[in-house]
Amino acid sequence: MKNPKDENLSQAGHERWMSSSLYIGVAAVGIMMLFQGSQWPLGLMLAIVGGGLAYWNSPYRGGNHTPFAEAIKRRSSDHAIIFWRPGCPYCARLQTAIRGEKPHITWVNIWRDKDAAEFLRSLNDGNETVPTAVVGEQVLVNPAFSDINRALDLAQPETPGKN
């Protein structure tokens, strides 16, 4: 039986593997330099950096992911659904800013879920622009964490005595 994750990744297309392939090439050059002897420090550096970047940009890289079918059920004005993909520096910046589990935020990796990618394209004029956050009916493209918090705060009812 096929794993749906593997099926979605194989349908992802060659463009999703382009940067990983480039970095694998860099790592391979580094490994060859290791065996030549005189350039081994540079070869070691290229092998480590190239391998690390290949993994970072790979669709197989893990990270927060909730299947789209489950995430879309949580869509409300007090819950953010954030669409992201591996290798995106803007997504990494947002993930770093948010840090940790937040019950009012759901992460969806568009490279692991073709339905999520299709939904994202419907929001962004056919583009897979990430990160994109959806809070209720609001769509926030490349938001800062403060933008997401502001959208969530707007959805919260006023508390008496709160300024």
N, C-alpha and C. Protein backbone atom coordinates (compact mmCIF):
# COMPACT_ATOMS: atom_id res chain seq x y z
N MET A 1 0.84 -1.18 0.00
CA MET A 1 0.00 0.00 0.00
C MET A 1 0.88 1.24 0.00
N LYS A 2 0.54 2.22 -0.83
CA LYS A 2 1.33 3.43 -0.92
C LYS A 2 1.06 4.36 0.25
N ASN A 3 2.12 5.00 0.70
CA ASN A 3 2.00 6.01 1.73
C ASN A 3 1.53 7.31 1.07
N PRO A 4 0.40 7.92 1.53
CA PRO A 4 -0.08 9.15 0.90
C PRO A 4 0.95 10.27 0.93
N LYS A 5 1.79 10.32 1.97
CA LYS A 5 2.82 11.34 2.06
C LYS A 5 3.79 11.19 0.88
N ASP A 6 4.22 9.96 0.61
CA ASP A 6 5.14 9.72 -0.50
C ASP A 6 4.48 10.03 -1.83
N GLU A 7 3.20 9.71 -1.97
CA GLU A 7 2.49 9.99 -3.21
C GLU A 7 2.42 11.50 -3.47
N ASN A 8 2.11 12.27 -2.43
CA ASN A 8 2.06 13.73 -2.58
C ASN A 8 3.43 14.29 -2.92
N LEU A 9 4.48 13.75 -2.31
CA LEU A 9 5.83 14.25 -2.60
C LEU A 9 6.24 13.91 -4.02
N SER A 10 5.86 12.74 -4.52
CA SER A 10 6.23 12.39 -5.88
C SER A 10 5.47 13.24 -6.88
N GLN A 11 4.29 13.71 -6.52
CA GLN A 11 3.52 14.58 -7.39
C GLN A 11 3.98 16.02 -7.26
N ALA A 12 4.88 16.28 -6.34
CA ALA A 12 5.30 17.65 -6.06
C ALA A 12 5.98 18.30 -7.25
N GLY A 13 6.59 17.52 -8.11
CA GLY A 13 7.25 18.09 -9.27
C GLY A 13 8.73 18.31 -9.03
N HIS A 14 9.41 18.47 -10.15
CA HIS A 14 10.87 18.62 -10.09
C HIS A 14 11.30 19.93 -9.44
N GLU A 15 10.50 20.99 -9.56
CA GLU A 15 10.91 22.27 -9.01
C GLU A 15 11.11 22.22 -7.50
N ARG A 16 10.43 21.33 -6.83
CA ARG A 16 10.58 21.23 -5.38
C ARG A 16 11.89 20.56 -4.98
N TRP A 17 12.50 19.85 -5.92
CA TRP A 17 13.75 19.16 -5.64
C TRP A 17 14.96 19.89 -6.21
N MET A 18 14.73 20.99 -6.94
CA MET A 18 15.83 21.68 -7.61
C MET A 18 16.90 22.15 -6.63
N SER A 19 16.50 22.89 -5.59
CA SER A 19 17.51 23.42 -4.68
C SER A 19 18.18 22.31 -3.89
N SER A 20 17.42 21.28 -3.50
CA SER A 20 18.04 20.15 -2.80
C SER A 20 19.08 19.46 -3.69
N SER A 21 18.75 19.31 -4.96
CA SER A 21 19.68 18.67 -5.91
C SER A 21 20.95 19.49 -6.05
N LEU A 22 20.81 20.79 -6.10
CA LEU A 22 21.98 21.67 -6.18
C LEU A 22 22.88 21.48 -4.96
N TYR A 23 22.29 21.46 -3.78
CA TYR A 23 23.07 21.31 -2.56
C TYR A 23 23.66 19.91 -2.43
N ILE A 24 22.99 18.91 -2.95
CA ILE A 24 23.57 17.56 -2.97
C ILE A 24 24.81 17.56 -3.84
N GLY A 25 24.75 18.29 -4.96
CA GLY A 25 25.92 18.44 -5.82
C GLY A 25 27.08 19.10 -5.09
N VAL A 26 26.80 20.14 -4.32
CA VAL A 26 27.83 20.82 -3.53
C VAL A 26 28.44 19.84 -2.53
N ALA A 27 27.58 19.06 -1.87
CA ALA A 27 28.07 18.08 -0.90
C ALA A 27 28.94 17.03 -1.59
N ALA A 28 28.55 16.60 -2.80
CA ALA A 28 29.32 15.60 -3.54
C ALA A 28 30.71 16.14 -3.90
N VAL A 29 30.76 17.40 -4.32
CA VAL A 29 32.07 18.03 -4.62
C VAL A 29 32.91 18.05 -3.35
N GLY A 30 32.28 18.38 -2.23
CA GLY A 30 33.00 18.39 -0.96
C GLY A 30 33.55 17.03 -0.60
N ILE A 31 32.76 15.99 -0.82
CA ILE A 31 33.20 14.63 -0.52
C ILE A 31 34.37 14.24 -1.42
N MET A 32 34.30 14.62 -2.70
CA MET A 32 35.43 14.32 -3.60
C MET A 32 36.69 15.04 -3.14
N MET A 33 36.54 16.28 -2.66
CA MET A 33 37.71 17.03 -2.18
C MET A 33 38.30 16.39 -0.93
N LEU A 34 37.45 15.76 -0.12
CA LEU A 34 37.94 15.07 1.07
C LEU A 34 38.94 13.98 0.70
N PHE A 35 38.67 13.28 -0.39
CA PHE A 35 39.52 12.17 -0.79
C PHE A 35 40.77 12.61 -1.54
N GLN A 36 40.83 13.88 -1.95
CA GLN A 36 42.02 14.36 -2.63
C GLN A 36 43.12 14.75 -1.66
N GLY A 37 42.77 14.92 -0.41
CA GLY A 37 43.78 15.13 0.61
C GLY A 37 44.13 16.57 0.91
N SER A 38 44.65 17.31 -0.05
CA SER A 38 45.15 18.66 0.24
C SER A 38 44.04 19.66 0.53
N GLN A 39 42.88 19.44 0.00
CA GLN A 39 41.76 20.37 0.20
C GLN A 39 40.72 19.84 1.18
N TRP A 40 41.12 18.93 2.08
CA TRP A 40 40.14 18.27 2.93
C TRP A 40 39.36 19.22 3.84
N PRO A 41 39.95 20.31 4.40
CA PRO A 41 39.11 21.19 5.26
C PRO A 41 37.96 21.84 4.46
N LEU A 42 38.28 22.31 3.26
CA LEU A 42 37.24 22.92 2.42
C LEU A 42 36.23 21.85 1.99
N GLY A 43 36.72 20.67 1.67
CA GLY A 43 35.83 19.57 1.28
C GLY A 43 34.89 19.18 2.40
N LEU A 44 35.42 19.12 3.62
CA LEU A 44 34.58 18.79 4.78
C LEU A 44 33.50 19.86 4.98
N MET A 45 33.90 21.12 4.86
CA MET A 45 32.94 22.20 5.02
C MET A 45 31.85 22.12 3.95
N LEU A 46 32.23 21.91 2.69
CA LEU A 46 31.25 21.81 1.61
C LEU A 46 30.31 20.62 1.80
N ALA A 47 30.86 19.49 2.25
CA ALA A 47 30.04 18.31 2.47
C ALA A 47 29.01 18.55 3.57
N ILE A 48 29.43 19.17 4.66
CA ILE A 48 28.52 19.42 5.78
C ILE A 48 27.47 20.47 5.41
N VAL A 49 27.92 21.60 4.86
CA VAL A 49 26.99 22.67 4.50
C VAL A 49 26.05 22.22 3.38
N GLY A 50 26.61 21.58 2.35
CA GLY A 50 25.77 21.11 1.25
C GLY A 50 24.74 20.08 1.70
N GLY A 51 25.17 19.14 2.54
CA GLY A 51 24.23 18.14 3.05
C GLY A 51 23.15 18.75 3.92
N GLY A 52 23.55 19.69 4.77
CA GLY A 52 22.57 20.36 5.64
C GLY A 52 21.56 21.16 4.85
N LEU A 53 22.04 21.91 3.87
CA LEU A 53 21.12 22.71 3.05
C LEU A 53 20.22 21.83 2.17
N ALA A 54 20.76 20.71 1.70
CA ALA A 54 19.93 19.78 0.91
C ALA A 54 18.79 19.26 1.76
N TYR A 55 19.07 18.90 3.01
CA TYR A 55 18.02 18.43 3.91
C TYR A 55 17.03 19.56 4.21
N TRP A 56 17.53 20.75 4.51
CA TRP A 56 16.68 21.88 4.88
C TRP A 56 15.68 22.21 3.77
N ASN A 57 16.09 22.08 2.53
CA ASN A 57 15.24 22.42 1.39
C ASN A 57 14.45 21.23 0.84
N SER A 58 14.64 20.07 1.41
CA SER A 58 13.98 18.86 0.91
C SER A 58 12.52 18.81 1.30
N PRO A 59 11.65 18.37 0.38
CA PRO A 59 10.24 18.16 0.75
C PRO A 59 10.07 17.10 1.84
N TYR A 60 11.08 16.26 2.06
CA TYR A 60 10.99 15.24 3.10
C TYR A 60 11.27 15.77 4.49
N ARG A 61 11.77 17.02 4.59
CA ARG A 61 12.07 17.58 5.91
C ARG A 61 10.79 17.65 6.71
N GLY A 62 10.90 17.29 7.95
CA GLY A 62 9.74 17.31 8.84
C GLY A 62 9.36 18.73 9.22
N GLY A 63 8.73 18.83 10.33
CA GLY A 63 8.25 20.12 10.81
C GLY A 63 6.78 20.00 11.14
N ASN A 64 6.23 21.07 11.64
CA ASN A 64 4.82 21.07 12.00
C ASN A 64 3.96 20.83 10.77
N HIS A 65 3.07 19.87 10.87
CA HIS A 65 2.15 19.62 9.77
C HIS A 65 0.88 18.97 10.29
N THR A 66 -0.22 19.58 9.91
CA THR A 66 -1.54 19.02 10.16
C THR A 66 -2.16 18.82 8.79
N PRO A 67 -2.74 17.65 8.52
CA PRO A 67 -3.38 17.46 7.21
C PRO A 67 -4.43 18.56 6.96
N PHE A 68 -4.50 18.99 5.70
CA PHE A 68 -5.40 20.09 5.33
C PHE A 68 -6.85 19.80 5.71
N ALA A 69 -7.31 18.58 5.49
CA ALA A 69 -8.70 18.23 5.79
C ALA A 69 -9.02 18.46 7.27
N GLU A 70 -8.04 18.20 8.14
CA GLU A 70 -8.23 18.44 9.58
C GLU A 70 -8.09 19.92 9.91
N ALA A 71 -7.11 20.57 9.30
CA ALA A 71 -6.85 21.98 9.60
C ALA A 71 -8.02 22.87 9.20
N ILE A 72 -8.61 22.63 8.05
CA ILE A 72 -9.66 23.52 7.55
C ILE A 72 -10.90 23.47 8.46
N LYS A 73 -11.08 22.39 9.20
CA LYS A 73 -12.19 22.29 10.15
C LYS A 73 -12.01 23.28 11.31
N ARG A 74 -10.77 23.70 11.54
CA ARG A 74 -10.47 24.63 12.64
C ARG A 74 -10.59 26.09 12.21
N ARG A 75 -10.87 26.31 10.94
CA ARG A 75 -10.91 27.68 10.41
C ARG A 75 -11.97 28.49 11.15
N SER A 76 -11.52 29.55 11.82
CA SER A 76 -12.42 30.43 12.55
C SER A 76 -11.70 31.75 12.80
N SER A 77 -12.41 32.71 13.32
CA SER A 77 -11.81 34.02 13.56
C SER A 77 -10.87 34.01 14.77
N ASP A 78 -10.88 32.94 15.56
CA ASP A 78 -9.96 32.87 16.70
C ASP A 78 -8.92 31.76 16.53
N HIS A 79 -8.69 31.34 15.28
CA HIS A 79 -7.71 30.30 15.00
C HIS A 79 -6.97 30.63 13.70
N ALA A 80 -5.65 30.51 13.71
CA ALA A 80 -4.84 30.78 12.52
C ALA A 80 -4.39 29.46 11.90
N ILE A 81 -4.56 29.35 10.59
CA ILE A 81 -4.01 28.22 9.83
C ILE A 81 -2.87 28.82 9.00
N ILE A 82 -1.67 28.31 9.21
CA ILE A 82 -0.50 28.85 8.51
C ILE A 82 0.01 27.81 7.52
N PHE A 83 0.06 28.21 6.25
CA PHE A 83 0.57 27.36 5.18
C PHE A 83 2.05 27.68 5.01
N TRP A 84 2.88 26.64 4.94
CA TRP A 84 4.33 26.80 4.85
C TRP A 84 4.90 25.69 3.99
N ARG A 85 6.22 25.78 3.72
CA ARG A 85 6.94 24.72 3.02
C ARG A 85 8.40 24.71 3.48
N PRO A 86 9.05 23.55 3.40
CA PRO A 86 10.48 23.48 3.75
C PRO A 86 11.32 24.35 2.83
N GLY A 87 12.40 24.89 3.38
CA GLY A 87 13.34 25.68 2.60
C GLY A 87 12.96 27.13 2.44
N CYS A 88 11.80 27.53 2.90
CA CYS A 88 11.36 28.92 2.77
C CYS A 88 11.91 29.73 3.95
N PRO A 89 12.77 30.71 3.69
CA PRO A 89 13.34 31.49 4.80
C PRO A 89 12.28 32.31 5.54
N TYR A 90 11.25 32.74 4.85
CA TYR A 90 10.20 33.52 5.50
C TYR A 90 9.38 32.64 6.44
N CYS A 91 9.16 31.39 6.02
CA CYS A 91 8.46 30.43 6.88
C CYS A 91 9.30 30.12 8.11
N ALA A 92 10.60 29.94 7.91
CA ALA A 92 11.50 29.65 9.03
C ALA A 92 11.50 30.82 10.02
N ARG A 93 11.50 32.04 9.50
CA ARG A 93 11.47 33.23 10.36
C ARG A 93 10.19 33.24 11.20
N LEU A 94 9.06 32.94 10.57
CA LEU A 94 7.78 32.93 11.28
C LEU A 94 7.73 31.79 12.30
N GLN A 95 8.24 30.61 11.93
CA GLN A 95 8.26 29.48 12.86
C GLN A 95 9.14 29.81 14.07
N THR A 96 10.25 30.49 13.84
CA THR A 96 11.12 30.88 14.94
C THR A 96 10.43 31.89 15.85
N ALA A 97 9.72 32.83 15.25
CA ALA A 97 9.02 33.86 16.04
C ALA A 97 7.91 33.24 16.88
N ILE A 98 7.24 32.25 16.34
CA ILE A 98 6.10 31.66 17.05
C ILE A 98 6.55 30.64 18.09
N ARG A 99 7.55 29.84 17.78
CA ARG A 99 8.14 28.85 18.69
C ARG A 99 7.13 28.04 19.50
N GLY A 100 7.19 26.76 19.34
CA GLY A 100 6.42 25.85 20.18
C GLY A 100 4.97 25.66 19.76
N GLU A 101 4.31 24.83 20.53
CA GLU A 101 2.90 24.51 20.27
C GLU A 101 2.02 25.67 20.72
N LYS A 102 1.15 26.08 19.86
CA LYS A 102 0.15 27.10 20.18
C LYS A 102 -1.20 26.50 19.80
N PRO A 103 -2.12 26.37 20.75
CA PRO A 103 -3.40 25.72 20.44
C PRO A 103 -4.26 26.48 19.43
N HIS A 104 -3.99 27.76 19.24
CA HIS A 104 -4.79 28.56 18.31
C HIS A 104 -4.10 28.74 16.95
N ILE A 105 -3.03 27.95 16.71
CA ILE A 105 -2.31 28.02 15.44
C ILE A 105 -2.10 26.60 14.92
N THR A 106 -2.44 26.40 13.64
CA THR A 106 -2.24 25.11 12.98
C THR A 106 -1.32 25.33 11.78
N TRP A 107 -0.31 24.49 11.66
CA TRP A 107 0.65 24.57 10.55
C TRP A 107 0.31 23.52 9.51
N VAL A 108 0.33 23.90 8.23
CA VAL A 108 0.07 22.97 7.14
C VAL A 108 1.21 23.10 6.12
N ASN A 109 1.92 22.00 5.91
CA ASN A 109 3.03 21.95 4.95
C ASN A 109 2.43 21.67 3.56
N ILE A 110 2.52 22.65 2.66
CA ILE A 110 1.88 22.49 1.35
C ILE A 110 2.59 21.47 0.47
N TRP A 111 3.82 21.12 0.79
CA TRP A 111 4.53 20.11 0.00
C TRP A 111 4.15 18.70 0.44
N ARG A 112 3.48 18.56 1.56
CA ARG A 112 3.04 17.25 2.01
C ARG A 112 1.56 17.03 1.78
N ASP A 113 0.86 18.04 1.27
CA ASP A 113 -0.59 17.93 1.14
C ASP A 113 -1.05 18.69 -0.11
N LYS A 114 -1.36 17.93 -1.17
CA LYS A 114 -1.72 18.57 -2.44
C LYS A 114 -3.01 19.38 -2.34
N ASP A 115 -3.94 18.98 -1.46
CA ASP A 115 -5.18 19.75 -1.28
C ASP A 115 -4.88 21.11 -0.65
N ALA A 116 -3.92 21.13 0.28
CA ALA A 116 -3.51 22.39 0.90
C ALA A 116 -2.87 23.31 -0.14
N ALA A 117 -2.02 22.74 -1.00
CA ALA A 117 -1.38 23.55 -2.04
C ALA A 117 -2.43 24.12 -3.00
N GLU A 118 -3.42 23.32 -3.34
CA GLU A 118 -4.48 23.78 -4.24
C GLU A 118 -5.30 24.90 -3.58
N PHE A 119 -5.62 24.74 -2.31
CA PHE A 119 -6.36 25.77 -1.58
C PHE A 119 -5.55 27.06 -1.51
N LEU A 120 -4.25 26.93 -1.22
CA LEU A 120 -3.38 28.10 -1.14
C LEU A 120 -3.33 28.84 -2.47
N ARG A 121 -3.23 28.10 -3.57
CA ARG A 121 -3.23 28.74 -4.90
C ARG A 121 -4.55 29.50 -5.14
N SER A 122 -5.65 28.96 -4.63
CA SER A 122 -6.94 29.64 -4.81
C SER A 122 -6.99 30.96 -4.03
N LEU A 123 -6.21 31.07 -2.98
CA LEU A 123 -6.16 32.30 -2.18
C LEU A 123 -5.21 33.34 -2.77
N ASN A 124 -4.18 32.87 -3.48
CA ASN A 124 -3.07 33.74 -3.91
C ASN A 124 -2.93 33.82 -5.42
N ASP A 125 -4.02 33.98 -6.12
CA ASP A 125 -3.99 34.17 -7.59
C ASP A 125 -3.18 33.10 -8.30
N GLY A 126 -3.28 31.86 -7.85
CA GLY A 126 -2.59 30.75 -8.50
C GLY A 126 -1.17 30.53 -8.02
N ASN A 127 -0.70 31.32 -7.07
CA ASN A 127 0.68 31.21 -6.57
C ASN A 127 0.70 30.45 -5.25
N GLU A 128 1.80 29.77 -5.00
CA GLU A 128 2.00 29.08 -3.73
C GLU A 128 2.85 29.96 -2.81
N THR A 129 2.38 31.15 -2.53
CA THR A 129 3.11 32.11 -1.71
C THR A 129 3.01 31.70 -0.25
N VAL A 130 4.17 31.45 0.35
CA VAL A 130 4.22 31.07 1.76
C VAL A 130 5.20 31.98 2.49
N PRO A 131 5.01 32.18 3.77
CA PRO A 131 3.87 31.71 4.55
C PRO A 131 2.62 32.53 4.24
N THR A 132 1.50 31.86 4.31
CA THR A 132 0.20 32.51 4.23
C THR A 132 -0.61 32.02 5.42
N ALA A 133 -1.17 32.97 6.15
CA ALA A 133 -2.00 32.64 7.31
C ALA A 133 -3.45 32.96 6.99
N VAL A 134 -4.34 32.10 7.42
CA VAL A 134 -5.77 32.32 7.28
C VAL A 134 -6.36 32.38 8.68
N VAL A 135 -6.98 33.51 9.00
CA VAL A 135 -7.66 33.70 10.28
C VAL A 135 -9.10 34.06 9.94
N GLY A 136 -10.00 33.10 10.13
CA GLY A 136 -11.38 33.33 9.71
C GLY A 136 -11.42 33.55 8.21
N GLU A 137 -11.91 34.70 7.79
CA GLU A 137 -11.95 35.04 6.37
C GLU A 137 -10.76 35.89 5.93
N GLN A 138 -9.91 36.28 6.88
CA GLN A 138 -8.73 37.09 6.56
C GLN A 138 -7.62 36.22 6.00
N VAL A 139 -6.96 36.71 4.97
CA VAL A 139 -5.80 36.02 4.39
C VAL A 139 -4.61 36.96 4.55
N LEU A 140 -3.58 36.49 5.25
CA LEU A 140 -2.38 37.28 5.51
C LEU A 140 -1.21 36.63 4.77
N VAL A 141 -0.67 37.33 3.78
CA VAL A 141 0.43 36.80 2.99
C VAL A 141 1.75 37.32 3.56
N ASN A 142 2.66 36.39 3.82
CA ASN A 142 3.96 36.68 4.41
C ASN A 142 3.83 37.56 5.65
N PRO A 143 3.03 37.10 6.62
CA PRO A 143 2.79 37.92 7.80
C PRO A 143 3.90 37.80 8.83
N ALA A 144 4.05 38.84 9.62
CA ALA A 144 4.86 38.76 10.82
C ALA A 144 3.97 38.15 11.91
N PHE A 145 4.57 37.64 12.96
CA PHE A 145 3.79 37.07 14.05
C PHE A 145 2.86 38.13 14.64
N SER A 146 3.31 39.37 14.67
CA SER A 146 2.45 40.45 15.20
C SER A 146 1.19 40.63 14.34
N ASP A 147 1.30 40.42 13.03
CA ASP A 147 0.13 40.51 12.15
C ASP A 147 -0.89 39.43 12.50
N ILE A 148 -0.38 38.23 12.75
CA ILE A 148 -1.27 37.11 13.10
C ILE A 148 -1.93 37.39 14.45
N ASN A 149 -1.13 37.84 15.41
CA ASN A 149 -1.69 38.16 16.73
C ASN A 149 -2.74 39.25 16.63
N ARG A 150 -2.47 40.26 15.82
CA ARG A 150 -3.43 41.35 15.64
C ARG A 150 -4.75 40.81 15.05
N ALA A 151 -4.65 39.94 14.06
CA ALA A 151 -5.86 39.35 13.45
C ALA A 151 -6.62 38.50 14.48
N LEU A 152 -5.89 37.77 15.30
CA LEU A 152 -6.53 36.95 16.33
C LEU A 152 -7.14 37.83 17.42
N ASP A 153 -6.44 38.92 17.79
CA ASP A 153 -6.96 39.83 18.81
C ASP A 153 -8.22 40.53 18.34
N LEU A 154 -8.30 40.88 17.07
CA LEU A 154 -9.50 41.51 16.53
C LEU A 154 -10.70 40.59 16.67
N ALA A 155 -10.43 39.30 16.66
CA ALA A 155 -11.52 38.33 16.73
C ALA A 155 -11.99 38.11 18.17
N GLN A 156 -11.15 38.49 19.14
CA GLN A 156 -11.50 38.26 20.54
C GLN A 156 -12.53 39.27 21.02
N PRO A 157 -13.54 38.84 21.77
CA PRO A 157 -14.52 39.80 22.30
C PRO A 157 -13.86 40.71 23.32
N GLU A 158 -14.36 41.92 23.39
CA GLU A 158 -13.85 42.90 24.36
C GLU A 158 -14.11 42.40 25.77
N THR A 159 -13.10 42.53 26.63
CA THR A 159 -13.25 42.17 28.02
C THR A 159 -13.51 43.45 28.80
N PRO A 160 -14.58 43.50 29.60
CA PRO A 160 -14.85 44.71 30.37
C PRO A 160 -13.67 45.09 31.24
N GLY A 161 -13.33 46.35 31.24
CA GLY A 161 -12.22 46.85 32.06
C GLY A 161 -10.87 46.73 31.40
N LYS A 162 -10.83 46.10 30.19
CA LYS A 162 -9.55 45.95 29.47
C LYS A 162 -9.32 47.16 28.59
N ASN A 163 -8.16 47.79 28.69
CA ASN A 163 -7.84 48.98 27.88
C ASN A 163 -7.03 48.62 26.69
